[in-house]
Amino acid sequence: MNIMQEQYRIESLLNQVTEAFSEIMKDTNERLKEANTVSFEGKITTIPELLVKTRGNQTEAARVLGTNRCTIRKYCRDVGAIGHVIVNGVLMISRGSTGEHMRRRANAATS
């Protein structure tokens, strides 16, 4: 074999390997996309909706969620579910920007 034939054979092998690798990567990316797809079948409500079901009884709403009545009072006007949400009977609360001043102070000290 001369050098030209050997170079052609190496280039064709390289092309085959590149094509096989791209197929593997394409298949892997599709599998990752499928794995990252989340299906959620839970029931999502808010405290105002729960208060409608309990006819405005905050104590009963607190009992249903297993929390304090003061927590119900705190979120009873959060109709848009900005600060809280109830997922499958579990109250989840967003802390928002709590402690922002402490983070700024810590960043200023390290700078």
C-alpha atoms as a PDB file:
ATOM      1  CA  MET A   1       0.000   0.000   0.000  1.00  0.00           C
ATOM      2  CA  ASN A   2       1.206   3.405  -0.773  1.00  0.00           C
ATOM      3  CA  ILE A   3       0.858   6.485   1.427  1.00  0.00           C
ATOM      4  CA  MET A   4      -2.198   7.865  -0.408  1.00  0.00           C
ATOM      5  CA  GLN A   5      -4.171   4.649   0.066  1.00  0.00           C
ATOM      6  CA  GLU A   6      -3.227   4.501   3.737  1.00  0.00           C
ATOM      7  CA  GLN A   7      -4.248   8.142   4.254  1.00  0.00           C
ATOM      8  CA  TYR A   8      -7.597   7.513   2.511  1.00  0.00           C
ATOM      9  CA  ARG A   9      -8.216   4.435   4.690  1.00  0.00           C
ATOM     10  CA  ILE A  10      -7.463   6.410   7.880  1.00  0.00           C
ATOM     11  CA  GLU A  11      -9.752   9.285   6.811  1.00  0.00           C
ATOM     12  CA  SER A  12     -12.636   6.892   6.048  1.00  0.00           C
ATOM     13  CA  LEU A  13     -12.190   5.192   9.439  1.00  0.00           C
ATOM     14  CA  LEU A  14     -12.150   8.594  11.117  1.00  0.00           C
ATOM     15  CA  ASN A  15     -15.383   9.562   9.328  1.00  0.00           C
ATOM     16  CA  GLN A  16     -17.045   6.297  10.430  1.00  0.00           C
ATOM     17  CA  VAL A  17     -15.999   6.841  14.038  1.00  0.00           C
ATOM     18  CA  THR A  18     -17.216  10.465  13.948  1.00  0.00           C
ATOM     19  CA  GLU A  19     -20.604   9.416  12.548  1.00  0.00           C
ATOM     20  CA  ALA A  20     -20.980   6.650  15.133  1.00  0.00           C
ATOM     21  CA  PHE A  21     -20.041   9.034  17.951  1.00  0.00           C
ATOM     22  CA  SER A  22     -22.542  11.656  16.785  1.00  0.00           C
ATOM     23  CA  GLU A  23     -25.296   9.004  16.673  1.00  0.00           C
ATOM     24  CA  ILE A  24     -24.413   7.910  20.211  1.00  0.00           C
ATOM     25  CA  MET A  25     -24.474  11.513  21.439  1.00  0.00           C
ATOM     26  CA  LYS A  26     -27.794  12.164  19.702  1.00  0.00           C
ATOM     27  CA  ASP A  27     -29.331   9.082  21.343  1.00  0.00           C
ATOM     28  CA  THR A  28     -27.872  10.050  24.729  1.00  0.00           C
ATOM     29  CA  ASN A  29     -29.275  13.588  24.470  1.00  0.00           C
ATOM     30  CA  GLU A  30     -32.735  12.225  23.640  1.00  0.00           C
ATOM     31  CA  ARG A  31     -32.594   9.888  26.653  1.00  0.00           C
ATOM     32  CA  LEU A  32     -31.518  12.749  28.917  1.00  0.00           C
ATOM     33  CA  LYS A  33     -34.398  14.909  27.695  1.00  0.00           C
ATOM     34  CA  GLU A  34     -36.836  12.083  28.435  1.00  0.00           C
ATOM     35  CA  ALA A  35     -35.331  11.560  31.893  1.00  0.00           C
ATOM     36  CA  ASN A  36     -35.573  15.278  32.729  1.00  0.00           C
ATOM     37  CA  THR A  37     -39.233  15.480  31.782  1.00  0.00           C
ATOM     38  CA  VAL A  38     -41.234  15.769  34.976  1.00  0.00           C
ATOM     39  CA  SER A  39     -44.820  14.653  35.174  1.00  0.00           C
ATOM     40  CA  PHE A  40     -46.762  16.012  38.108  1.00  0.00           C
ATOM     41  CA  GLU A  41     -50.183  14.780  39.052  1.00  0.00           C
ATOM     42  CA  GLY A  42     -50.501  16.415  42.463  1.00  0.00           C
ATOM     43  CA  LYS A  43     -53.253  18.676  43.736  1.00  0.00           C
ATOM     44  CA  ILE A  44     -52.176  22.291  44.150  1.00  0.00           C
ATOM     45  CA  THR A  45     -54.232  24.742  46.217  1.00  0.00           C
ATOM     46  CA  THR A  46     -53.754  27.870  48.289  1.00  0.00           C
ATOM     47  CA  ILE A  47     -54.793  28.854  51.800  1.00  0.00           C
ATOM     48  CA  PRO A  48     -57.616  31.116  50.546  1.00  0.00           C
ATOM     49  CA  GLU A  49     -59.028  28.151  48.604  1.00  0.00           C
ATOM     50  CA  LEU A  50     -58.713  25.975  51.702  1.00  0.00           C
ATOM     51  CA  LEU A  51     -60.514  28.631  53.749  1.00  0.00           C
ATOM     52  CA  VAL A  52     -63.387  28.529  51.261  1.00  0.00           C
ATOM     53  CA  LYS A  53     -63.619  24.754  51.781  1.00  0.00           C
ATOM     54  CA  THR A  54     -63.561  25.126  55.576  1.00  0.00           C
ATOM     55  CA  ARG A  55     -66.099  27.991  55.368  1.00  0.00           C
ATOM     56  CA  GLY A  56     -63.598  30.508  56.711  1.00  0.00           C
ATOM     57  CA  ASN A  57     -62.689  28.471  59.776  1.00  0.00           C
ATOM     58  CA  GLN A  58     -58.971  29.211  60.247  1.00  0.00           C
ATOM     59  CA  THR A  59     -58.595  26.706  63.078  1.00  0.00           C
ATOM     60  CA  GLU A  60     -59.981  23.914  60.917  1.00  0.00           C
ATOM     61  CA  ALA A  61     -57.708  24.933  58.016  1.00  0.00           C
ATOM     62  CA  ALA A  62     -54.722  24.865  60.377  1.00  0.00           C
ATOM     63  CA  ARG A  63     -55.752  21.430  61.595  1.00  0.00           C
ATOM     64  CA  VAL A  64     -56.008  20.125  58.016  1.00  0.00           C
ATOM     65  CA  LEU A  65     -52.493  21.383  57.209  1.00  0.00           C
ATOM     66  CA  GLY A  66     -51.006  20.461  60.557  1.00  0.00           C
ATOM     67  CA  THR A  67     -49.866  24.009  61.220  1.00  0.00           C
ATOM     68  CA  ASN A  68     -50.637  26.911  63.525  1.00  0.00           C
ATOM     69  CA  ARG A  69     -53.638  29.217  63.045  1.00  0.00           C
ATOM     70  CA  CYS A  70     -51.259  32.211  62.938  1.00  0.00           C
ATOM     71  CA  THR A  71     -49.668  30.740  59.819  1.00  0.00           C
ATOM     72  CA  ILE A  72     -53.106  30.564  58.203  1.00  0.00           C
ATOM     73  CA  ARG A  73     -53.728  34.215  59.129  1.00  0.00           C
ATOM     74  CA  LYS A  74     -50.363  35.182  57.660  1.00  0.00           C
ATOM     75  CA  TYR A  75     -51.108  33.705  54.232  1.00  0.00           C
ATOM     76  CA  CYS A  76     -54.898  34.068  54.043  1.00  0.00           C
ATOM     77  CA  ARG A  77     -54.663  37.093  51.696  1.00  0.00           C
ATOM     78  CA  ASP A  78     -52.064  35.528  49.398  1.00  0.00           C
ATOM     79  CA  VAL A  79     -54.572  34.702  46.666  1.00  0.00           C
ATOM     80  CA  GLY A  80     -51.948  34.610  43.910  1.00  0.00           C
ATOM     81  CA  ALA A  81     -49.869  31.988  45.771  1.00  0.00           C
ATOM     82  CA  ILE A  82     -46.802  34.232  45.710  1.00  0.00           C
ATOM     83  CA  GLY A  83     -45.625  33.356  49.219  1.00  0.00           C
ATOM     84  CA  HIS A  84     -47.076  29.876  49.664  1.00  0.00           C
ATOM     85  CA  VAL A  85     -48.677  26.892  47.992  1.00  0.00           C
ATOM     86  CA  ILE A  86     -50.300  23.699  49.260  1.00  0.00           C
ATOM     87  CA  VAL A  87     -49.219  20.593  47.332  1.00  0.00           C
ATOM     88  CA  ASN A  88     -51.010  17.356  48.188  1.00  0.00           C
ATOM     89  CA  GLY A  89     -51.911  18.711  51.622  1.00  0.00           C
ATOM     90  CA  VAL A  90     -48.394  19.930  52.464  1.00  0.00           C
ATOM     91  CA  LEU A  91     -47.875  23.662  53.012  1.00  0.00           C
ATOM     92  CA  MET A  92     -44.826  25.000  51.182  1.00  0.00           C
ATOM     93  CA  ILE A  93     -43.677  28.523  51.949  1.00  0.00           C
ATOM     94  CA  SER A  94     -41.400  30.798  49.934  1.00  0.00           C
ATOM     95  CA  ARG A  95     -38.981  32.661  52.148  1.00  0.00           C
ATOM     96  CA  GLY A  96     -38.587  35.405  49.560  1.00  0.00           C
ATOM     97  CA  SER A  97     -35.766  37.823  50.270  1.00  0.00           C
ATOM     98  CA  THR A  98     -35.475  36.939  53.956  1.00  0.00           C
ATOM     99  CA  GLY A  99     -31.981  37.712  55.139  1.00  0.00           C
ATOM    100  CA  GLU A 100     -31.064  39.830  52.129  1.00  0.00           C
ATOM    101  CA  HIS A 101     -29.446  42.455  54.345  1.00  0.00           C
ATOM    102  CA  MET A 102     -27.225  39.786  55.911  1.00  0.00           C
ATOM    103  CA  ARG A 103     -26.089  38.532  52.497  1.00  0.00           C
ATOM    104  CA  ARG A 104     -25.235  42.084  51.443  1.00  0.00           C
ATOM    105  CA  ARG A 105     -23.289  42.599  54.670  1.00  0.00           C
ATOM    106  CA  ALA A 106     -21.352  39.352  54.162  1.00  0.00           C
ATOM    107  CA  ASN A 107     -20.559  40.237  50.539  1.00  0.00           C
ATOM    108  CA  ALA A 108     -19.354  43.688  51.594  1.00  0.00           C
ATOM    109  CA  ALA A 109     -17.061  42.165  54.233  1.00  0.00           C
ATOM    110  CA  THR A 110     -15.436  39.758  51.738  1.00  0.00           C
ATOM    111  CA  SER A 111     -14.980  42.410  49.023  1.00  0.00           C
END
